[in-house]
Amino acid sequence: MAGIGFELKKLFSKEGFFNLIKAYLYSTLVTVGPFILCTSMIITIQIILKYLNMDFLEREIFLATVVYAFIFSQIITSGFSMVITRYVADRLYEKEFEEILPSLYGIISICIAIGGAIGIIFLYRSSMGWKLALASYLLYIQLIIMWLETVYLTALKDYIKIFKSYVLGVIISIVLSYWVLKTSNYKSALGLLMAMDMGIFIIITFLMAYIKSFFKSTNNTYYGFLTYMDKYPELFLVNFFYTLSLYIHNFIFWNSHMSVTIVDTYKYCPTYDVPTFYAFLSIIPAMVIFVVSVETSFYNKYREYYSLITGGGNLSEIENAKNNMERVLWEEVRNLMEVQIFFSLIGIILGNIFLPRLGLNHLSIDIFNILVLGAYGNIIFLITILLQLYFEDRIGALVVSSVFIITNTLFTLDSLKLGENFYGLGFFLSAFTSLIISLMRLAYFLDNINYYTFCSQPIIYREREGIFHKILKFFGHINEKEK
């Protein structure tokens, strides 16, 4: 979150109600602004579709295509995103700026090769026409690029320009969608997808321009970041498992008796998927508050503790710093849990008022209620994972993310067998089981943090050289210092 911390501290240091509102608005902008804009784009286009009475099948094709593109582009990039985040952070710390832009090209080429091949295999068996398949494929590939560019944006400081890029792309998508439906000859899912493709293309083009203007010096180490796959394989697995777990309960329902198939291509379960989407909107406040609390409260104590260790502080000073850091961390986690439960309950109340008006039936409303509480457990669980990674407890984070994917699969299968009164309970139980285990692991790690800090490192450090080192050496894509 380079750059965010400085701006947040400056904003929160100013007194007054309006300055506080301004600080939280800025935090929302830089943390979940793109997410809110993309969500708003899809909801707005849905409203336009309903307002203009678009054919039901065409509407379903469009929505299913967008959902598949968003979900699977995130899964494909999830593991790589965490690894590349660490790589970029290290390059910035070591002021090796010339290696950052080539790594973006490298990670994009790898993810497009993997994700693109999977997409072609999936669409090859589809009965959709080639034009619709191509528009769907373009959306999916563009989203892969957009998620990867977003990782690099944390290194930039001009977040207003970044936000404007998303605003421009979203507005273009919405305006083109309206134009397609109102006046053009493409009043179909194909026309809507072409409009959305154009909007996403604008976003990724502007984001790439910003990144290139920031990192002007480059070299040819396009795949040097792959050494981090050997060095930190846990990072890849942690984020991949976590992201897959977010959707695996939906995948199970896609293969249930409630599943719907569109144009012999897309399977989905609207009774379960729609409340899932709305339930996850309720956790936006926690995402904003976490960034604020880390950057304005926790990080100072964290830095103080490790500065004393590396700077030669005595045992008493280190113990005091450790206790202060622990106290602030647990205070912030408790505050975050209290505030988020308030917003989750508000979400349930608002959902029960407005979702029936959007056409959700009684069963979907019941699923929504339990999934809002599951999303609450899930976001606190995610925050504990991020805190574990803050302390380099990668093994602990990998264990709890593995628990999440295993329990989510088993509990969801059981809830499906038990009947509709239990739908959503699998995700809820999995989220809270994982949350409890992750909190226990975090508490254990903090109790023993002096041991992990002083004794967990090997006496003689050796670079971990795995399969990716060997591949890079074979093709000559590795620097001398990385050997």
Protein backbone atom coordinates (compact mmCIF):
# COMPACT_ATOMS: atom_id res chain seq x y z
CA MET A 1 0.00 0.00 0.00
CA ALA A 2 2.90 2.29 -0.75
CA GLY A 3 1.79 5.89 -0.94
CA ILE A 4 -1.58 5.35 0.71
CA GLY A 5 -0.18 5.42 4.24
CA PHE A 6 1.40 8.84 3.88
CA GLU A 7 -1.76 10.41 2.44
CA LEU A 8 -4.01 8.81 5.05
CA LYS A 9 -1.85 9.93 7.97
CA LYS A 10 -1.87 13.47 6.60
CA LEU A 11 -5.66 13.48 6.21
CA PHE A 12 -6.43 11.88 9.57
CA SER A 13 -4.04 14.25 11.37
CA LYS A 14 -6.38 17.17 10.55
CA GLU A 15 -9.11 17.86 13.08
CA GLY A 16 -12.77 18.48 12.33
CA PHE A 17 -15.78 16.50 11.16
CA PHE A 18 -15.46 17.39 7.47
CA ASN A 19 -11.76 16.46 7.42
CA LEU A 20 -12.69 13.09 8.94
CA ILE A 21 -15.35 12.56 6.26
CA LYS A 22 -12.83 13.57 3.59
CA ALA A 23 -10.29 11.09 4.99
CA TYR A 24 -12.77 8.20 4.91
CA LEU A 25 -13.94 9.14 1.42
CA TYR A 26 -10.34 9.07 0.23
CA SER A 27 -9.81 5.71 1.93
CA THR A 28 -12.91 4.33 0.21
CA LEU A 29 -11.73 5.73 -3.10
CA VAL A 30 -8.30 4.09 -3.04
CA THR A 31 -9.31 0.77 -1.47
CA VAL A 32 -12.66 -0.22 -2.97
CA GLY A 33 -13.31 2.51 -5.53
CA PRO A 34 -12.66 0.29 -8.59
CA PHE A 35 -14.74 -2.52 -7.05
CA ILE A 36 -17.66 -0.15 -6.41
CA LEU A 37 -17.43 1.27 -9.93
CA CYS A 38 -17.39 -2.16 -11.60
CA THR A 39 -20.33 -3.28 -9.46
CA SER A 40 -22.21 -0.07 -10.23
CA MET A 41 -21.60 -0.59 -13.94
CA ILE A 42 -23.16 -4.06 -13.90
CA ILE A 43 -26.13 -2.99 -11.77
CA THR A 44 -26.77 0.08 -13.96
CA ILE A 45 -26.69 -1.98 -17.15
CA GLN A 46 -29.13 -4.43 -15.54
CA ILE A 47 -31.49 -1.56 -14.75
CA ILE A 48 -31.23 -0.33 -18.35
CA LEU A 49 -31.98 -3.84 -19.61
CA LYS A 50 -35.08 -4.04 -17.45
CA TYR A 51 -36.19 -0.51 -18.35
CA LEU A 52 -35.90 -1.17 -22.10
CA ASN A 53 -37.51 -4.63 -21.86
CA MET A 54 -34.66 -6.51 -23.47
CA ASP A 55 -35.34 -10.12 -24.45
CA PHE A 56 -35.01 -12.38 -21.38
CA LEU A 57 -32.65 -14.91 -23.00
CA GLU A 58 -30.31 -12.20 -24.31
CA ARG A 59 -30.28 -10.64 -20.83
CA GLU A 60 -29.40 -13.97 -19.25
CA ILE A 61 -26.60 -14.60 -21.77
CA PHE A 62 -25.10 -11.20 -21.04
CA LEU A 63 -25.23 -11.59 -17.26
CA ALA A 64 -23.88 -15.15 -17.29
CA THR A 65 -21.00 -14.12 -19.55
CA VAL A 66 -20.05 -11.21 -17.30
CA VAL A 67 -20.25 -13.35 -14.15
CA TYR A 68 -18.06 -16.10 -15.66
CA ALA A 69 -15.51 -13.56 -16.96
CA PHE A 70 -15.21 -11.81 -13.59
CA ILE A 71 -15.00 -15.00 -11.51
CA PHE A 72 -12.54 -16.99 -13.60
CA SER A 73 -10.28 -14.03 -14.45
CA GLN A 74 -9.91 -13.46 -10.69
CA ILE A 75 -9.14 -17.12 -10.02
CA ILE A 76 -6.55 -17.28 -12.81
CA THR A 77 -4.70 -14.19 -11.55
CA SER A 78 -5.17 -14.67 -7.80
CA GLY A 79 -2.04 -16.67 -6.98
CA PHE A 80 0.21 -14.69 -9.31
CA SER A 81 -1.12 -11.40 -7.90
CA MET A 82 0.14 -12.16 -4.41
CA VAL A 83 3.58 -13.23 -5.66
CA ILE A 84 3.95 -10.21 -7.92
CA THR A 85 2.85 -7.90 -5.09
CA ARG A 86 5.80 -9.12 -3.03
CA TYR A 87 8.15 -8.88 -6.01
CA VAL A 88 7.16 -5.27 -6.80
CA ALA A 89 7.39 -4.27 -3.13
CA ASP A 90 10.94 -5.67 -2.92
CA ARG A 91 12.01 -4.00 -6.16
CA LEU A 92 10.68 -0.66 -4.89
CA TYR A 93 12.48 -1.10 -1.57
CA GLU A 94 15.74 -1.88 -3.36
CA LYS A 95 15.11 0.94 -5.87
CA GLU A 96 15.35 -1.45 -8.81
CA PHE A 97 12.63 0.37 -10.74
CA GLU A 98 13.85 -0.82 -14.14
CA GLU A 99 12.69 -4.38 -13.36
CA ILE A 100 9.08 -3.48 -12.53
CA LEU A 101 7.57 -2.69 -15.94
CA PRO A 102 9.10 -5.78 -17.64
CA SER A 103 7.66 -7.94 -14.86
CA LEU A 104 4.20 -6.59 -15.69
CA TYR A 105 4.63 -7.66 -19.31
CA GLY A 106 5.91 -11.03 -18.13
CA ILE A 107 3.06 -11.75 -15.71
CA ILE A 108 0.46 -10.63 -18.27
CA SER A 109 1.91 -12.97 -20.91
CA ILE A 110 1.89 -15.94 -18.52
CA CYS A 111 -1.63 -15.36 -17.22
CA ILE A 112 -2.99 -14.81 -20.73
CA ALA A 113 -1.28 -18.00 -21.92
CA ILE A 114 -2.80 -20.06 -19.07
CA GLY A 115 -6.15 -18.30 -18.83
CA GLY A 116 -6.46 -17.88 -22.58
CA ALA A 117 -5.97 -21.61 -23.23
CA ILE A 118 -8.58 -22.50 -20.61
CA GLY A 119 -10.98 -19.96 -22.11
CA ILE A 120 -10.55 -21.34 -25.62
CA ILE A 121 -11.17 -24.92 -24.44
CA PHE A 122 -14.28 -23.79 -22.57
CA LEU A 123 -15.74 -21.75 -25.43
CA TYR A 124 -14.79 -24.30 -28.11
CA ARG A 125 -17.56 -26.62 -26.94
CA SER A 126 -20.06 -23.77 -26.72
CA SER A 127 -23.03 -23.53 -29.05
CA MET A 128 -22.79 -19.73 -29.05
CA GLY A 129 -22.00 -18.10 -32.33
CA TRP A 130 -18.37 -17.16 -32.96
CA LYS A 131 -19.06 -13.43 -32.61
CA LEU A 132 -20.58 -13.84 -29.17
CA ALA A 133 -17.81 -16.24 -28.13
CA LEU A 134 -15.15 -13.78 -29.29
CA ALA A 135 -16.74 -10.86 -27.41
CA SER A 136 -16.94 -13.03 -24.28
CA TYR A 137 -13.34 -14.11 -24.66
CA LEU A 138 -12.14 -10.51 -25.08
CA LEU A 139 -13.92 -9.46 -21.90
CA TYR A 140 -12.32 -12.32 -19.96
CA ILE A 141 -8.80 -11.59 -21.26
CA GLN A 142 -9.14 -7.86 -20.64
CA LEU A 143 -10.21 -8.47 -17.05
CA ILE A 144 -7.13 -10.65 -16.52
CA ILE A 145 -4.97 -7.71 -17.62
CA MET A 146 -6.95 -5.24 -15.50
CA TRP A 147 -6.52 -7.27 -12.26
CA LEU A 148 -2.77 -7.54 -12.87
CA GLU A 149 -2.39 -3.83 -13.61
CA THR A 150 -4.21 -3.09 -10.35
CA VAL A 151 -1.39 -4.78 -8.42
CA TYR A 152 1.10 -2.31 -9.85
CA LEU A 153 -1.11 0.68 -9.14
CA THR A 154 -0.34 0.41 -5.43
CA ALA A 155 3.12 1.70 -6.30
CA LEU A 156 1.67 4.87 -7.79
CA LYS A 157 0.56 7.86 -5.76
CA ASP A 158 -1.85 9.66 -8.06
CA TYR A 159 -4.95 7.72 -7.11
CA ILE A 160 -7.28 10.38 -8.45
CA LYS A 161 -6.03 9.69 -12.00
CA ILE A 162 -6.47 5.98 -11.43
CA PHE A 163 -10.01 6.50 -10.20
CA LYS A 164 -10.75 8.70 -13.20
CA SER A 165 -9.63 5.88 -15.51
CA TYR A 166 -12.22 3.57 -13.99
CA VAL A 167 -14.88 6.28 -14.07
CA LEU A 168 -14.23 6.96 -17.75
CA GLY A 169 -14.34 3.26 -18.68
CA VAL A 170 -17.50 2.64 -16.68
CA ILE A 171 -19.28 5.67 -18.16
CA ILE A 172 -18.33 4.62 -21.69
CA SER A 173 -19.65 1.10 -21.05
CA ILE A 174 -22.96 2.40 -19.68
CA VAL A 175 -23.47 5.00 -22.42
CA LEU A 176 -22.60 2.52 -25.18
CA SER A 177 -24.91 -0.07 -23.64
CA TYR A 178 -27.79 2.41 -23.66
CA TRP A 179 -26.98 3.42 -27.23
CA VAL A 180 -26.81 -0.22 -28.36
CA LEU A 181 -30.21 -1.01 -26.89
CA LYS A 182 -31.91 2.21 -27.91
CA THR A 183 -30.74 2.98 -31.41
CA SER A 184 -28.34 0.42 -32.91
CA ASN A 185 -28.95 -2.79 -34.85
CA TYR A 186 -27.19 -4.88 -32.18
CA LYS A 187 -29.93 -5.07 -29.53
CA SER A 188 -28.55 -8.28 -28.13
CA ALA A 189 -26.07 -9.74 -25.65
CA LEU A 190 -23.42 -9.35 -28.35
CA GLY A 191 -23.97 -5.59 -28.54
CA LEU A 192 -23.84 -5.23 -24.75
CA LEU A 193 -20.65 -7.27 -24.49
CA MET A 194 -19.04 -5.16 -27.22
CA ALA A 195 -19.96 -2.04 -25.22
CA MET A 196 -18.47 -3.52 -22.06
CA ASP A 197 -15.35 -4.65 -23.92
CA MET A 198 -14.84 -1.05 -25.08
CA GLY A 199 -15.18 0.31 -21.53
CA ILE A 200 -12.72 -2.22 -20.05
CA PHE A 201 -10.32 -1.54 -22.94
CA ILE A 202 -10.35 2.16 -22.06
CA ILE A 203 -9.58 1.32 -18.42
CA ILE A 204 -6.64 -1.00 -19.12
CA THR A 205 -5.22 1.41 -21.72
CA PHE A 206 -5.23 4.36 -19.33
CA LEU A 207 -3.89 2.27 -16.45
CA MET A 208 -1.05 0.98 -18.61
CA ALA A 209 -0.24 4.54 -19.69
CA TYR A 210 -0.03 5.63 -16.04
CA ILE A 211 2.19 2.71 -15.10
CA LYS A 212 4.50 3.32 -18.07
CA SER A 213 4.75 7.04 -17.29
CA PHE A 214 5.79 6.15 -13.74
CA PHE A 215 8.32 3.39 -14.48
CA LYS A 216 10.16 4.83 -17.46
CA SER A 217 13.44 2.91 -17.17
CA THR A 218 13.23 -0.77 -18.07
CA ASN A 219 15.41 -3.78 -18.76
CA ASN A 220 14.65 -7.18 -20.27
CA THR A 221 14.03 -9.22 -17.10
CA TYR A 222 10.46 -10.07 -18.07
CA TYR A 223 10.31 -13.27 -16.05
CA GLY A 224 12.69 -12.54 -13.17
CA PHE A 225 9.71 -12.46 -10.80
CA LEU A 226 9.27 -16.22 -11.30
CA THR A 227 12.17 -16.76 -8.88
CA TYR A 228 9.68 -15.62 -6.24
CA MET A 229 7.53 -18.64 -7.10
CA ASP A 230 10.38 -20.75 -5.72
CA LYS A 231 11.09 -18.32 -2.90
CA TYR A 232 7.52 -17.76 -1.69
CA PRO A 233 5.32 -20.58 -3.06
CA GLU A 234 3.04 -20.19 -0.03
CA LEU A 235 1.97 -16.73 -1.23
CA PHE A 236 0.70 -18.19 -4.49
CA LEU A 237 -1.21 -20.95 -2.74
CA VAL A 238 -2.67 -18.74 0.01
CA ASN A 239 -4.35 -16.34 -2.40
CA PHE A 240 -5.30 -19.04 -4.89
CA PHE A 241 -6.98 -21.15 -2.20
CA TYR A 242 -8.70 -18.14 -0.67
CA THR A 243 -10.05 -16.83 -4.00
CA LEU A 244 -11.18 -20.30 -5.10
CA SER A 245 -12.94 -20.72 -1.76
CA LEU A 246 -14.92 -17.53 -2.33
CA TYR A 247 -16.64 -19.18 -5.29
CA ILE A 248 -16.50 -22.91 -4.62
CA HIS A 249 -19.84 -22.91 -2.78
CA ASN A 250 -21.36 -21.30 -5.89
CA PHE A 251 -19.74 -23.94 -8.13
CA ILE A 252 -21.34 -26.67 -6.01
CA PHE A 253 -24.77 -25.07 -6.39
CA TRP A 254 -24.15 -24.72 -10.15
CA ASN A 255 -24.12 -28.51 -10.27
CA SER A 256 -27.19 -28.96 -8.06
CA HIS A 257 -30.82 -29.59 -9.02
CA MET A 258 -31.36 -25.77 -8.94
CA SER A 259 -28.83 -25.20 -11.69
CA VAL A 260 -29.81 -23.39 -14.89
CA THR A 261 -27.94 -23.82 -18.19
CA ILE A 262 -27.82 -21.05 -20.79
CA VAL A 263 -27.08 -21.68 -24.47
CA ASP A 264 -25.54 -25.04 -23.50
CA THR A 265 -22.56 -23.11 -22.12
CA TYR A 266 -23.07 -21.39 -18.80
CA LYS A 267 -24.28 -23.14 -15.69
CA TYR A 268 -25.37 -21.04 -12.76
CA CYS A 269 -27.83 -20.97 -9.88
CA PRO A 270 -29.68 -17.63 -9.69
CA THR A 271 -31.47 -18.59 -6.47
CA TYR A 272 -28.07 -18.82 -4.75
CA ASP A 273 -25.78 -16.62 -6.86
CA VAL A 274 -27.83 -13.41 -6.73
CA PRO A 275 -28.05 -13.28 -2.88
CA THR A 276 -24.34 -14.13 -2.76
CA PHE A 277 -23.55 -11.04 -4.83
CA TYR A 278 -25.63 -8.72 -2.65
CA ALA A 279 -24.35 -10.28 0.58
CA PHE A 280 -20.74 -9.49 -0.27
CA LEU A 281 -21.55 -5.82 -0.82
CA SER A 282 -22.09 -5.60 2.97
CA ILE A 283 -18.38 -6.06 3.75
CA ILE A 284 -17.14 -2.91 2.00
CA PRO A 285 -16.90 -0.94 5.31
CA ALA A 286 -14.54 -3.53 6.84
CA MET A 287 -12.21 -3.33 3.82
CA VAL A 288 -11.94 0.46 4.19
CA ILE A 289 -11.58 0.45 7.98
CA PHE A 290 -8.84 -2.20 7.86
CA VAL A 291 -6.67 -0.13 5.53
CA VAL A 292 -7.19 2.97 7.68
CA SER A 293 -6.39 1.18 10.96
CA VAL A 294 -3.28 -0.53 9.56
CA GLU A 295 -1.86 2.59 7.98
CA THR A 296 -2.69 5.04 10.78
CA SER A 297 -2.36 2.96 13.99
CA PHE A 298 -0.90 -0.51 13.67
CA TYR A 299 1.99 0.15 11.28
CA ASN A 300 3.69 2.64 13.63
CA LYS A 301 3.83 0.05 16.43
CA TYR A 302 4.87 -2.67 13.97
CA ARG A 303 7.75 -0.52 12.67
CA GLU A 304 8.79 0.44 16.20
CA TYR A 305 9.08 -3.23 17.23
CA TYR A 306 11.17 -4.30 14.23
CA SER A 307 13.27 -1.09 14.35
CA LEU A 308 14.33 -1.96 17.90
CA ILE A 309 15.28 -5.48 16.78
CA THR A 310 17.33 -4.36 13.80
CA GLY A 311 18.59 -1.25 15.56
CA GLY A 312 20.00 -2.94 18.66
CA GLY A 313 17.27 -2.28 21.26
CA ASN A 314 17.62 -4.08 24.60
CA LEU A 315 15.29 -6.88 25.72
CA SER A 316 13.13 -4.63 27.89
CA GLU A 317 12.57 -2.15 25.05
CA ILE A 318 11.75 -4.94 22.61
CA GLU A 319 9.27 -6.53 25.05
CA ASN A 320 7.53 -3.19 25.63
CA ALA A 321 7.32 -2.56 21.89
CA LYS A 322 5.95 -6.07 21.36
CA ASN A 323 3.27 -5.58 24.00
CA ASN A 324 2.27 -2.21 22.53
CA MET A 325 2.08 -3.69 19.05
CA GLU A 326 -0.09 -6.59 20.25
CA ARG A 327 -2.38 -4.28 22.22
CA VAL A 328 -2.96 -1.96 19.23
CA LEU A 329 -3.48 -4.89 16.86
CA TRP A 330 -6.14 -6.58 18.99
CA GLU A 331 -7.84 -3.24 19.71
CA GLU A 332 -8.07 -2.53 15.98
CA VAL A 333 -9.37 -6.04 15.21
CA ARG A 334 -12.00 -5.76 17.96
CA ASN A 335 -13.10 -2.30 16.76
CA LEU A 336 -13.30 -3.56 13.20
CA MET A 337 -15.44 -6.56 14.24
CA GLU A 338 -17.82 -4.32 16.19
CA VAL A 339 -18.22 -1.78 13.39
CA GLN A 340 -18.64 -4.42 10.69
CA ILE A 341 -21.30 -6.37 12.62
CA PHE A 342 -23.28 -3.12 12.77
CA PHE A 343 -23.04 -2.69 8.98
CA SER A 344 -23.84 -6.37 8.42
CA LEU A 345 -27.05 -6.08 10.46
CA ILE A 346 -27.95 -2.90 8.57
CA GLY A 347 -27.29 -4.86 5.35
CA ILE A 348 -29.70 -7.59 6.43
CA ILE A 349 -32.42 -5.05 7.25
CA LEU A 350 -31.99 -3.19 3.95
CA GLY A 351 -31.81 -6.45 2.02
CA ASN A 352 -35.09 -7.68 3.47
CA ILE A 353 -36.72 -4.37 2.48
CA PHE A 354 -35.35 -3.86 -1.04
CA LEU A 355 -34.37 -7.28 -2.43
CA PRO A 356 -38.00 -8.52 -2.73
CA ARG A 357 -38.66 -5.46 -4.89
CA LEU A 358 -35.80 -6.59 -7.16
CA GLY A 359 -37.54 -9.92 -7.66
CA LEU A 360 -35.77 -12.17 -5.12
CA ASN A 361 -38.04 -14.88 -3.71
CA HIS A 362 -38.40 -15.98 -0.09
CA LEU A 363 -35.73 -18.70 -0.37
CA SER A 364 -33.16 -16.27 -1.84
CA ILE A 365 -33.86 -13.76 0.94
CA ASP A 366 -33.24 -16.49 3.57
CA ILE A 367 -29.98 -17.42 1.80
CA PHE A 368 -29.01 -13.74 1.68
CA ASN A 369 -29.47 -13.37 5.45
CA ILE A 370 -27.17 -16.26 6.30
CA LEU A 371 -24.62 -15.30 3.62
CA VAL A 372 -24.34 -11.73 5.01
CA LEU A 373 -23.26 -13.25 8.31
CA GLY A 374 -20.96 -15.65 6.44
CA ALA A 375 -19.45 -12.69 4.57
CA TYR A 376 -18.84 -11.05 7.95
CA GLY A 377 -16.85 -14.07 9.12
CA ASN A 378 -15.08 -14.21 5.78
CA ILE A 379 -13.85 -10.59 5.77
CA ILE A 380 -12.51 -10.82 9.33
CA PHE A 381 -10.85 -14.09 8.32
CA LEU A 382 -9.26 -12.38 5.29
CA ILE A 383 -7.93 -9.62 7.54
CA THR A 384 -6.30 -12.13 9.89
CA ILE A 385 -4.62 -13.74 6.86
CA LEU A 386 -3.27 -10.36 5.76
CA LEU A 387 -1.98 -9.74 9.30
CA GLN A 388 -0.29 -13.14 9.28
CA LEU A 389 1.43 -12.22 6.03
CA TYR A 390 2.43 -8.89 7.58
CA PHE A 391 4.40 -10.95 10.13
CA GLU A 392 5.75 -13.31 7.45
CA ASP A 393 3.72 -16.18 8.91
CA ARG A 394 3.18 -17.65 5.47
CA ILE A 395 2.83 -21.22 6.69
CA GLY A 396 0.11 -20.18 9.14
CA ALA A 397 -1.73 -18.30 6.38
CA LEU A 398 -1.45 -21.33 4.08
CA VAL A 399 -2.85 -23.66 6.73
CA VAL A 400 -5.91 -21.51 7.45
CA SER A 401 -6.61 -20.83 3.76
CA SER A 402 -6.44 -24.61 3.19
CA VAL A 403 -8.92 -25.10 6.03
CA PHE A 404 -11.23 -22.58 4.35
CA ILE A 405 -11.34 -24.35 1.00
CA ILE A 406 -11.72 -27.83 2.54
CA THR A 407 -14.44 -26.91 5.04
CA ASN A 408 -16.28 -24.74 2.52
CA THR A 409 -16.46 -27.67 0.10
CA LEU A 410 -17.54 -30.23 2.71
CA PHE A 411 -20.01 -28.02 4.58
CA THR A 412 -21.64 -26.75 1.36
CA LEU A 413 -22.10 -30.31 0.08
CA ASP A 414 -23.70 -31.25 3.41
CA SER A 415 -25.97 -28.20 3.44
CA LEU A 416 -27.14 -29.07 -0.08
CA LYS A 417 -28.10 -32.58 1.08
CA LEU A 418 -29.94 -31.27 4.17
CA GLY A 419 -32.36 -29.18 2.13
CA GLU A 420 -33.25 -25.58 1.39
CA ASN A 421 -33.50 -24.54 5.04
CA PHE A 422 -29.74 -25.06 5.24
CA TYR A 423 -28.65 -23.37 1.98
CA GLY A 424 -25.89 -20.85 2.73
CA LEU A 425 -25.11 -22.45 6.09
CA GLY A 426 -22.12 -24.29 4.61
CA PHE A 427 -20.35 -21.06 3.70
CA PHE A 428 -21.31 -19.50 7.04
CA LEU A 429 -19.89 -22.39 9.09
CA SER A 430 -16.76 -22.59 6.96
CA ALA A 431 -16.07 -18.85 7.28
CA PHE A 432 -16.41 -18.90 11.07
CA THR A 433 -14.47 -22.15 11.49
CA SER A 434 -11.62 -20.68 9.45
CA LEU A 435 -11.89 -17.39 11.33
CA ILE A 436 -11.58 -19.06 14.75
CA ILE A 437 -8.58 -21.14 13.64
CA SER A 438 -6.89 -18.11 12.06
CA LEU A 439 -7.39 -15.98 15.20
CA MET A 440 -5.93 -18.79 17.32
CA ARG A 441 -2.96 -19.07 14.98
CA LEU A 442 -2.42 -15.29 15.00
CA ALA A 443 -2.56 -15.19 18.81
CA TYR A 444 -0.11 -18.10 19.06
CA PHE A 445 2.28 -16.44 16.61
CA LEU A 446 2.17 -13.12 18.45
CA ASP A 447 2.80 -14.84 21.78
CA ASN A 448 5.93 -16.39 20.28
CA ILE A 449 6.91 -13.61 17.89
CA ASN A 450 10.29 -13.07 19.56
CA TYR A 451 11.16 -16.70 18.92
CA TYR A 452 10.00 -16.58 15.30
CA THR A 453 11.87 -13.31 14.73
CA PHE A 454 15.17 -14.38 16.25
CA CYS A 455 15.28 -18.16 15.79
CA SER A 456 13.27 -19.09 12.69
CA GLN A 457 15.91 -17.88 10.21
CA PRO A 458 18.65 -20.33 9.12
CA ILE A 459 22.20 -19.71 10.39
CA ILE A 460 23.52 -19.71 6.83
CA TYR A 461 21.08 -18.26 4.30
CA ARG A 462 20.73 -20.08 1.01
CA GLU A 463 18.57 -18.92 -1.84
CA ARG A 464 15.77 -21.37 -2.50
CA GLU A 465 16.35 -22.62 -6.06
CA GLY A 466 13.46 -24.59 -7.46
CA ILE A 467 12.02 -25.45 -10.80
CA PHE A 468 11.47 -21.84 -11.86
CA HIS A 469 15.13 -20.94 -11.20
CA LYS A 470 16.19 -23.87 -13.39
CA ILE A 471 13.79 -22.94 -16.19
CA LEU A 472 14.95 -19.31 -16.16
CA LYS A 473 18.60 -20.35 -16.16
CA PHE A 474 17.97 -22.71 -19.05
CA PHE A 475 16.44 -19.94 -21.15
CA GLY A 476 18.89 -17.29 -19.89
CA HIS A 477 16.12 -15.15 -18.34
CA ILE A 478 17.77 -14.55 -14.97
CA ASN A 479 20.12 -11.95 -13.56
CA GLU A 480 23.46 -12.84 -12.02
CA LYS A 481 22.32 -11.63 -8.61
CA GLU A 482 19.25 -13.86 -8.82
CA LYS A 483 21.38 -16.91 -9.45
